[in-house]
Amino acid sequence: MENNQDHFEILRKIKKKPESSQRELAKELGFSLGKLNYCLKELQKKGLVKINNFSNKKNKLQYFKKYILTPKGVKYRIDLTLKFMTNKMKEYDQLKKEIDR
């Protein structure tokens, strides 16, 4: 589940700010740069994220990547959200039953 949660958080951040650098994403998510890089590669392999490289070889300051959610990535993010909400509703119902007893 943790991997799905990590992937969900990454997809959510990319949706909000696709021009973020890996360093920015890692900092915002509380991930190491290596962990984020690994997760992004996994998301790319699954076809959930497309990574576009934009570079100007003369000036490395203008080099950046843009992360784009694919339609499959959008659907995956929605599915994870629905699963999360369903689980939280089940937890709420169980806690309510325990309290009522």
Protein backbone atom coordinates (compact mmCIF):
# COMPACT_ATOMS: atom_id res chain seq x y z
CA MET A 1 0.00 0.00 0.00
CA GLU A 2 2.85 2.38 0.81
CA ASN A 3 4.06 2.26 -2.81
CA ASN A 4 0.56 3.16 -4.04
CA GLN A 5 0.41 6.01 -1.53
CA ASP A 6 3.79 7.31 -2.70
CA HIS A 7 2.71 7.08 -6.32
CA PHE A 8 -0.55 8.85 -5.54
CA GLU A 9 1.27 11.71 -3.83
CA ILE A 10 3.69 12.07 -6.73
CA LEU A 11 0.87 12.06 -9.29
CA ARG A 12 -1.01 14.65 -7.25
CA LYS A 13 2.01 16.96 -7.08
CA ILE A 14 2.72 16.55 -10.80
CA LYS A 15 -0.89 17.40 -11.63
CA LYS A 16 -0.65 20.61 -9.60
CA LYS A 17 2.79 21.70 -10.81
CA PRO A 18 4.17 19.71 -13.79
CA GLU A 19 7.19 21.99 -14.21
CA SER A 20 8.59 21.13 -10.76
CA SER A 21 12.11 19.80 -10.66
CA GLN A 22 12.86 16.44 -9.08
CA ARG A 23 14.60 18.28 -6.27
CA GLU A 24 11.50 20.42 -5.61
CA LEU A 25 9.16 17.42 -5.77
CA ALA A 26 11.39 15.40 -3.42
CA LYS A 27 11.50 18.25 -0.90
CA GLU A 28 7.73 18.84 -1.00
CA LEU A 29 7.00 15.12 -0.61
CA GLY A 30 9.65 14.48 2.04
CA PHE A 31 11.37 11.90 -0.20
CA SER A 32 15.04 11.45 -0.89
CA LEU A 33 16.01 12.39 -4.42
CA GLY A 34 16.86 8.74 -5.10
CA LYS A 35 13.45 7.52 -3.93
CA LEU A 36 11.65 10.08 -6.07
CA ASN A 37 13.78 9.22 -9.10
CA TYR A 38 13.01 5.52 -8.62
CA CYS A 39 9.27 6.18 -8.25
CA LEU A 40 9.18 8.43 -11.33
CA LYS A 41 10.89 5.74 -13.41
CA GLU A 42 8.36 3.18 -12.18
CA LEU A 43 5.47 5.51 -13.03
CA GLN A 44 6.98 6.09 -16.45
CA LYS A 45 7.39 2.31 -17.05
CA LYS A 46 3.71 1.82 -16.15
CA GLY A 47 2.76 4.51 -18.66
CA LEU A 48 1.33 6.80 -15.98
CA VAL A 49 3.77 9.69 -16.45
CA LYS A 50 5.47 11.10 -19.50
CA ILE A 51 8.76 12.90 -18.94
CA ASN A 52 9.73 15.55 -21.47
CA ASN A 53 13.30 16.83 -21.42
CA PHE A 54 13.90 20.36 -22.57
CA SER A 55 17.51 21.34 -22.86
CA ASN A 56 19.71 23.93 -24.42
CA LYS A 57 23.16 22.41 -24.54
CA LYS A 58 24.87 25.82 -24.51
CA ASN A 59 23.24 26.94 -21.29
CA LYS A 60 22.61 24.25 -18.67
CA LEU A 61 20.66 26.74 -16.52
CA GLN A 62 17.79 26.46 -19.01
CA TYR A 63 17.66 22.66 -18.75
CA PHE A 64 14.50 21.30 -17.17
CA LYS A 65 12.07 18.42 -17.27
CA LYS A 66 8.33 18.57 -17.47
CA TYR A 67 6.22 15.76 -16.06
CA ILE A 68 2.91 15.06 -17.73
CA LEU A 69 0.21 12.73 -16.45
CA THR A 70 -0.95 10.43 -19.19
CA PRO A 71 -4.66 9.58 -19.49
CA LYS A 72 -3.75 6.24 -17.88
CA GLY A 73 -2.03 8.17 -15.06
CA VAL A 74 -5.10 10.33 -14.48
CA LYS A 75 -7.31 7.23 -14.28
CA TYR A 76 -4.86 5.54 -11.90
CA ARG A 77 -4.82 8.61 -9.63
CA ILE A 78 -8.63 8.66 -9.56
CA ASP A 79 -8.76 4.92 -8.79
CA LEU A 80 -6.32 5.36 -5.90
CA THR A 81 -8.39 8.24 -4.56
CA LEU A 82 -11.56 6.15 -4.66
CA LYS A 83 -9.83 3.23 -2.90
CA PHE A 84 -8.50 5.58 -0.24
CA MET A 85 -11.93 7.13 0.35
CA THR A 86 -13.61 3.71 0.48
CA ASN A 87 -11.09 2.50 3.08
CA LYS A 88 -11.53 5.63 5.18
CA MET A 89 -15.31 5.24 5.11
CA LYS A 90 -14.97 1.61 6.26
CA GLU A 91 -12.66 2.69 9.08
CA TYR A 92 -15.14 5.39 10.11
CA ASP A 93 -18.03 2.90 10.16
CA GLN A 94 -16.00 0.44 12.27
CA LEU A 95 -15.01 3.13 14.75
CA LYS A 96 -18.59 4.35 14.99
CA LYS A 97 -19.79 0.80 15.74
CA GLU A 98 -17.15 0.45 18.48
CA ILE A 99 -18.14 3.75 20.04
CA ASP A 100 -21.84 2.89 19.95
CA ARG A 101 -21.19 -0.36 21.85
